PDB file of N, CA and C in Angstrom:
ATOM      1  N   UNK A   1     -78.486  79.341 -33.011  1.00  0.00           N
ATOM      2  CA  UNK A   1     -78.274  78.382 -31.950  1.00  0.00           C
ATOM      3  C   UNK A   1     -79.624  78.101 -31.283  1.00  0.00           C
ATOM      4  N   UNK A   2     -79.992  76.828 -31.122  1.00  0.00           N
ATOM      5  CA  UNK A   2     -81.295  76.531 -30.506  1.00  0.00           C
ATOM      6  C   UNK A   2     -81.288  76.868 -29.025  1.00  0.00           C
ATOM      7  N   UNK A   3     -82.463  77.184 -28.543  1.00  0.00           N
ATOM      8  CA  UNK A   3     -82.576  77.508 -27.118  1.00  0.00           C
ATOM      9  C   UNK A   3     -82.476  76.233 -26.286  1.00  0.00           C
ATOM     10  N   UNK A   4     -81.789  76.347 -25.168  1.00  0.00           N
ATOM     11  CA  UNK A   4     -81.622  75.196 -24.292  1.00  0.00           C
ATOM     12  C   UNK A   4     -82.835  75.064 -23.386  1.00  0.00           C
ATOM     13  N   UNK A   5     -83.343  73.846 -23.290  1.00  0.00           N
ATOM     14  CA  UNK A   5     -84.491  73.589 -22.427  1.00  0.00           C
ATOM     15  C   UNK A   5     -84.013  72.839 -21.189  1.00  0.00           C
ATOM     16  N   UNK A   6     -84.650  73.049 -20.064  1.00  0.00           N
ATOM     17  CA  UNK A   6     -84.252  72.278 -18.876  1.00  0.00           C
ATOM     18  C   UNK A   6     -84.544  70.792 -19.087  1.00  0.00           C
ATOM     19  N   UNK A   7     -83.748  69.980 -18.468  1.00  0.00           N
ATOM     20  CA  UNK A   7     -83.904  68.533 -18.597  1.00  0.00           C
ATOM     21  C   UNK A   7     -85.235  68.104 -17.980  1.00  0.00           C
ATOM     22  N   UNK A   8     -85.980  67.324 -18.721  1.00  0.00           N
ATOM     23  CA  UNK A   8     -87.298  66.907 -18.256  1.00  0.00           C
ATOM     24  C   UNK A   8     -87.235  65.603 -17.477  1.00  0.00           C
ATOM     25  N   UNK A   9     -86.062  65.194 -17.068  1.00  0.00           N
ATOM     26  CA  UNK A   9     -85.917  63.923 -16.342  1.00  0.00           C
ATOM     27  C   UNK A   9     -86.519  64.041 -14.953  1.00  0.00           C
ATOM     28  N   UNK A  10     -87.275  63.038 -14.581  1.00  0.00           N
ATOM     29  CA  UNK A  10     -87.813  62.959 -13.226  1.00  0.00           C
ATOM     30  C   UNK A  10     -87.379  61.637 -12.626  1.00  0.00           C
ATOM     31  N   UNK A  11     -86.987  61.678 -11.382  1.00  0.00           N
ATOM     32  CA  UNK A  11     -86.554  60.457 -10.708  1.00  0.00           C
ATOM     33  C   UNK A  11     -87.758  59.602 -10.358  1.00  0.00           C
ATOM     34  N   UNK A  12     -87.660  58.314 -10.679  1.00  0.00           N
ATOM     35  CA  UNK A  12     -88.703  57.359 -10.322  1.00  0.00           C
ATOM     36  C   UNK A  12     -88.106  56.341  -9.370  1.00  0.00           C
ATOM     37  N   UNK A  13     -88.838  55.951  -8.345  1.00  0.00           N
ATOM     38  CA  UNK A  13     -88.304  54.927  -7.442  1.00  0.00           C
ATOM     39  C   UNK A  13     -88.127  53.610  -8.194  1.00  0.00           C
ATOM     40  N   UNK A  14     -87.165  52.794  -7.794  1.00  0.00           N
ATOM     41  CA  UNK A  14     -86.948  51.532  -8.503  1.00  0.00           C
ATOM     42  C   UNK A  14     -88.153  50.603  -8.364  1.00  0.00           C
ATOM     43  N   UNK A  15     -88.402  49.852  -9.411  1.00  0.00           N
ATOM     44  CA  UNK A  15     -89.528  48.922  -9.400  1.00  0.00           C
ATOM     45  C   UNK A  15     -89.006  47.494  -9.427  1.00  0.00           C
ATOM     46  N   UNK A  16     -89.695  46.634  -8.732  1.00  0.00           N
ATOM     47  CA  UNK A  16     -89.327  45.217  -8.697  1.00  0.00           C
ATOM     48  C   UNK A  16     -89.709  44.588 -10.039  1.00  0.00           C
ATOM     49  N   UNK A  17     -88.812  43.780 -10.618  1.00  0.00           N
ATOM     50  CA  UNK A  17     -89.162  43.143 -11.896  1.00  0.00           C
ATOM     51  C   UNK A  17     -90.415  42.274 -11.760  1.00  0.00           C
ATOM     52  N   UNK A  18     -91.203  42.244 -12.797  1.00  0.00           N
ATOM     53  CA  UNK A  18     -92.471  41.517 -12.772  1.00  0.00           C
ATOM     54  C   UNK A  18     -92.236  40.017 -12.621  1.00  0.00           C
ATOM     55  N   UNK A  19     -91.133  39.512 -13.173  1.00  0.00           N
ATOM     56  CA  UNK A  19     -90.884  38.070 -13.136  1.00  0.00           C
ATOM     57  C   UNK A  19     -90.586  37.564 -11.734  1.00  0.00           C
ATOM     58  N   UNK A  20     -90.249  38.454 -10.790  1.00  0.00           N
ATOM     59  CA  UNK A  20     -89.970  38.039  -9.421  1.00  0.00           C
ATOM     60  C   UNK A  20     -91.243  38.103  -8.588  1.00  0.00           C
ATOM     61  N   UNK A  21     -91.439  37.130  -7.706  1.00  0.00           N
ATOM     62  CA  UNK A  21     -92.632  37.195  -6.853  1.00  0.00           C
ATOM     63  C   UNK A  21     -92.513  38.338  -5.842  1.00  0.00           C
ATOM     64  N   UNK A  22     -93.649  38.795  -5.387  1.00  0.00           N
ATOM     65  CA  UNK A  22     -93.654  39.884  -4.408  1.00  0.00           C
ATOM     66  C   UNK A  22     -93.075  39.379  -3.091  1.00  0.00           C
ATOM     67  N   UNK A  23     -92.233  40.183  -2.488  1.00  0.00           N
ATOM     68  CA  UNK A  23     -91.599  39.783  -1.236  1.00  0.00           C
ATOM     69  C   UNK A  23     -92.587  39.956  -0.091  1.00  0.00           C
ATOM     70  N   UNK A  24     -92.770  38.882   0.671  1.00  0.00           N
ATOM     71  CA  UNK A  24     -93.710  38.929   1.786  1.00  0.00           C
ATOM     72  C   UNK A  24     -92.999  39.105   3.121  1.00  0.00           C
ATOM     73  N   UNK A  25     -91.725  38.800   3.163  1.00  0.00           N
ATOM     74  CA  UNK A  25     -90.950  38.971   4.403  1.00  0.00           C
ATOM     75  C   UNK A  25     -89.969  40.115   4.202  1.00  0.00           C
ATOM     76  N   UNK A  26     -89.594  40.795   5.259  1.00  0.00           N
ATOM     77  CA  UNK A  26     -88.635  41.892   5.099  1.00  0.00           C
ATOM     78  C   UNK A  26     -87.263  41.352   4.691  1.00  0.00           C
ATOM     79  N   UNK A  27     -86.451  42.174   4.057  1.00  0.00           N
ATOM     80  CA  UNK A  27     -85.126  41.713   3.648  1.00  0.00           C
ATOM     81  C   UNK A  27     -84.266  41.397   4.871  1.00  0.00           C
ATOM     82  N   UNK A  28     -83.299  40.496   4.725  1.00  0.00           N
ATOM     83  CA  UNK A  28     -82.447  40.158   5.871  1.00  0.00           C
ATOM     84  C   UNK A  28     -81.583  41.350   6.271  1.00  0.00           C
ATOM     85  N   UNK A  29     -81.226  41.404   7.541  1.00  0.00           N
ATOM     86  CA  UNK A  29     -80.387  42.502   8.020  1.00  0.00           C
ATOM     87  C   UNK A  29     -78.952  42.294   7.567  1.00  0.00           C
ATOM     88  N   UNK A  30     -78.279  43.389   7.312  1.00  0.00           N
ATOM     89  CA  UNK A  30     -76.883  43.320   6.885  1.00  0.00           C
ATOM     90  C   UNK A  30     -76.015  42.969   8.082  1.00  0.00           C
ATOM     91  N   UNK A  31     -74.965  42.190   7.858  1.00  0.00           N
ATOM     92  CA  UNK A  31     -74.063  41.883   8.981  1.00  0.00           C
ATOM     93  C   UNK A  31     -73.300  43.137   9.399  1.00  0.00           C
ATOM     94  N   UNK A  32     -72.834  43.138  10.628  1.00  0.00           N
ATOM     95  CA  UNK A  32     -72.084  44.298  11.109  1.00  0.00           C
ATOM     96  C   UNK A  32     -70.728  44.351  10.409  1.00  0.00           C
ATOM     97  N   UNK A  33     -70.135  45.526  10.312  1.00  0.00           N
ATOM     98  CA  UNK A  33     -68.832  45.635   9.644  1.00  0.00           C
ATOM     99  C   UNK A  33     -67.766  44.862  10.413  1.00  0.00           C
ATOM    100  N   UNK A  34     -66.729  44.397   9.729  1.00  0.00           N
ATOM    101  CA  UNK A  34     -65.697  43.609  10.408  1.00  0.00           C
ATOM    102  C   UNK A  34     -64.903  44.459  11.394  1.00  0.00           C
ATOM    103  N   UNK A  35     -64.365  43.800  12.398  1.00  0.00           N
ATOM    104  CA  UNK A  35     -63.549  44.479  13.403  1.00  0.00           C
ATOM    105  C   UNK A  35     -62.118  44.563  12.875  1.00  0.00           C
ATOM    106  N   UNK A  36     -61.655  45.768  12.615  1.00  0.00           N
ATOM    107  CA  UNK A  36     -60.332  45.957  12.026  1.00  0.00           C
ATOM    108  C   UNK A  36     -59.280  46.329  13.060  1.00  0.00           C
ATOM    109  N   UNK A  37     -59.621  46.244  14.341  1.00  0.00           N
ATOM    110  CA  UNK A  37     -58.648  46.589  15.377  1.00  0.00           C
ATOM    111  C   UNK A  37     -57.454  45.649  15.345  1.00  0.00           C
ATOM    112  N   UNK A  38     -57.687  44.382  15.027  1.00  0.00           N
ATOM    113  CA  UNK A  38     -56.589  43.413  14.972  1.00  0.00           C
ATOM    114  C   UNK A  38     -55.574  43.843  13.916  1.00  0.00           C
ATOM    115  N   UNK A  39     -56.059  44.270  12.751  1.00  0.00           N
ATOM    116  CA  UNK A  39     -55.152  44.704  11.692  1.00  0.00           C
ATOM    117  C   UNK A  39     -54.382  45.958  12.100  1.00  0.00           C
ATOM    118  N   UNK A  40     -55.020  46.842  12.847  1.00  0.00           N
ATOM    119  CA  UNK A  40     -54.333  48.044  13.317  1.00  0.00           C
ATOM    120  C   UNK A  40     -53.202  47.671  14.271  1.00  0.00           C
ATOM    121  N   UNK A  41     -53.455  46.738  15.185  1.00  0.00           N
ATOM    122  CA  UNK A  41     -52.410  46.317  16.124  1.00  0.00           C
ATOM    123  C   UNK A  41     -51.277  45.587  15.406  1.00  0.00           C
ATOM    124  N   UNK A  42     -51.613  44.753  14.439  1.00  0.00           N
ATOM    125  CA  UNK A  42     -50.578  44.046  13.676  1.00  0.00           C
ATOM    126  C   UNK A  42     -49.739  45.047  12.885  1.00  0.00           C
ATOM    127  N   UNK A  43     -50.372  46.024  12.279  1.00  0.00           N
ATOM    128  CA  UNK A  43     -49.638  47.050  11.538  1.00  0.00           C
ATOM    129  C   UNK A  43     -48.730  47.857  12.439  1.00  0.00           C
ATOM    130  N   UNK A  44     -49.216  48.200  13.620  1.00  0.00           N
ATOM    131  CA  UNK A  44     -48.389  48.941  14.573  1.00  0.00           C
ATOM    132  C   UNK A  44     -47.201  48.096  15.015  1.00  0.00           C
ATOM    133  N   UNK A  45     -47.441  46.813  15.269  1.00  0.00           N
ATOM    134  CA  UNK A  45     -46.351  45.917  15.663  1.00  0.00           C
ATOM    135  C   UNK A  45     -45.311  45.780  14.569  1.00  0.00           C
ATOM    136  N   UNK A  46     -45.753  45.641  13.325  1.00  0.00           N
ATOM    137  CA  UNK A  46     -44.805  45.545  12.215  1.00  0.00           C
ATOM    138  C   UNK A  46     -44.008  46.831  12.044  1.00  0.00           C
ATOM    139  N   UNK A  47     -44.656  47.968  12.233  1.00  0.00           N
ATOM    140  CA  UNK A  47     -43.947  49.241  12.129  1.00  0.00           C
ATOM    141  C   UNK A  47     -42.876  49.347  13.211  1.00  0.00           C
ATOM    142  N   UNK A  48     -43.175  48.893  14.412  1.00  0.00           N
ATOM    143  CA  UNK A  48     -42.188  48.935  15.499  1.00  0.00           C
ATOM    144  C   UNK A  48     -41.026  48.002  15.194  1.00  0.00           C
ATOM    145  N   UNK A  49     -41.307  46.810  14.681  1.00  0.00           N
ATOM    146  CA  UNK A  49     -40.237  45.864  14.339  1.00  0.00           C
ATOM    147  C   UNK A  49     -39.333  46.446  13.262  1.00  0.00           C
ATOM    148  N   UNK A  50     -39.910  47.042  12.239  1.00  0.00           N
ATOM    149  CA  UNK A  50     -39.106  47.646  11.169  1.00  0.00           C
ATOM    150  C   UNK A  50     -38.268  48.785  11.726  1.00  0.00           C
ATOM    151  N   UNK A  51     -38.836  49.587  12.598  1.00  0.00           N
ATOM    152  CA  UNK A  51     -38.090  50.689  13.193  1.00  0.00           C
ATOM    153  C   UNK A  51     -36.926  50.179  14.030  1.00  0.00           C
ATOM    154  N   UNK A  52     -37.159  49.145  14.826  1.00  0.00           N
ATOM    155  CA  UNK A  52     -36.093  48.591  15.671  1.00  0.00           C
ATOM    156  C   UNK A  52     -34.985  47.999  14.810  1.00  0.00           C
ATOM    157  N   UNK A  53     -35.339  47.337  13.721  1.00  0.00           N
ATOM    158  CA  UNK A  53     -34.324  46.755  12.844  1.00  0.00           C
ATOM    159  C   UNK A  53     -33.568  47.819  12.052  1.00  0.00           C
ATOM    160  N   UNK A  54     -34.221  48.912  11.707  1.00  0.00           N
ATOM    161  CA  UNK A  54     -33.581  49.943  10.895  1.00  0.00           C
ATOM    162  C   UNK A  54     -32.776  50.923  11.726  1.00  0.00           C
ATOM    163  N   UNK A  55     -33.017  51.006  13.018  1.00  0.00           N
ATOM    164  CA  UNK A  55     -32.361  52.012  13.854  1.00  0.00           C
ATOM    165  C   UNK A  55     -30.839  51.883  13.865  1.00  0.00           C
ATOM    166  N   UNK A  56     -30.250  50.702  14.048  1.00  0.00           N
ATOM    167  CA  UNK A  56     -28.782  50.628  14.021  1.00  0.00           C
ATOM    168  C   UNK A  56     -28.187  51.063  12.680  1.00  0.00           C
ATOM    169  N   UNK A  57     -28.849  50.722  11.588  1.00  0.00           N
ATOM    170  CA  UNK A  57     -28.353  51.126  10.276  1.00  0.00           C
ATOM    171  C   UNK A  57     -28.440  52.642  10.103  1.00  0.00           C
ATOM    172  N   UNK A  58     -29.511  53.242  10.592  1.00  0.00           N
ATOM    173  CA  UNK A  58     -29.635  54.699  10.503  1.00  0.00           C
ATOM    174  C   UNK A  58     -28.565  55.397  11.335  1.00  0.00           C
ATOM    175  N   UNK A  59     -28.305  54.881  12.526  1.00  0.00           N
ATOM    176  CA  UNK A  59     -27.282  55.484  13.387  1.00  0.00           C
ATOM    177  C   UNK A  59     -25.918  55.380  12.719  1.00  0.00           C
ATOM    178  N   UNK A  60     -25.571  54.208  12.177  1.00  0.00           N
ATOM    179  CA  UNK A  60     -24.267  54.055  11.519  1.00  0.00           C
ATOM    180  C   UNK A  60     -24.180  54.933  10.274  1.00  0.00           C
ATOM    181  N   UNK A  61     -25.271  55.101   9.555  1.00  0.00           N
ATOM    182  CA  UNK A  61     -25.275  55.953   8.372  1.00  0.00           C
ATOM    183  C   UNK A  61     -25.014  57.408   8.745  1.00  0.00           C
ATOM    184  N   UNK A  62     -25.674  57.897   9.789  1.00  0.00           N
ATOM    185  CA  UNK A  62     -25.473  59.285  10.195  1.00  0.00           C
ATOM    186  C   UNK A  62     -24.082  59.495  10.784  1.00  0.00           C
ATOM    187  N   UNK A  63     -23.554  58.499  11.469  1.00  0.00           N
ATOM    188  CA  UNK A  63     -22.184  58.613  11.979  1.00  0.00           C
ATOM    189  C   UNK A  63     -21.187  58.633  10.827  1.00  0.00           C
ATOM    190  N   UNK A  64     -21.431  57.867   9.779  1.00  0.00           N
ATOM    191  CA  UNK A  64     -20.550  57.881   8.613  1.00  0.00           C
ATOM    192  C   UNK A  64     -20.637  59.223   7.898  1.00  0.00           C
ATOM    193  N   UNK A  65     -21.807  59.827   7.856  1.00  0.00           N
ATOM    194  CA  UNK A  65     -21.947  61.150   7.238  1.00  0.00           C
ATOM    195  C   UNK A  65     -21.203  62.213   8.040  1.00  0.00           C
ATOM    196  N   UNK A  66     -21.240  62.073   9.354  1.00  0.00           N
ATOM    197  CA  UNK A  66     -20.577  63.051  10.215  1.00  0.00           C
ATOM    198  C   UNK A  66     -19.061  62.858  10.192  1.00  0.00           C
ATOM    199  N   UNK A  67     -18.587  61.740   9.682  1.00  0.00           N
ATOM    200  CA  UNK A  67     -17.151  61.503   9.581  1.00  0.00           C
ATOM    201  C   UNK A  67     -16.536  60.969  10.852  1.00  0.00           C
ATOM    202  N   UNK A  68     -17.321  60.368  11.691  1.00  0.00           N
ATOM    203  CA  UNK A  68     -16.771  59.821  12.935  1.00  0.00           C
ATOM    204  C   UNK A  68     -16.327  58.397  12.775  1.00  0.00           C
TER     205      UNK A  68
END
């Protein structure tokens, strides 16, 4: 069995392709992440609506199980 040698890989920083001109201005800033609070409130509202609509059915189901 041959002896195992450590990997000789060395990390090199990325290089800009030669065909592209050198950048003279800094890159544009990334936009801020979207505000997801609206989706959280909508999800909470939908969960409450589903709960309110399902509550009478759950009560009648448990009453039917209890034999009342």
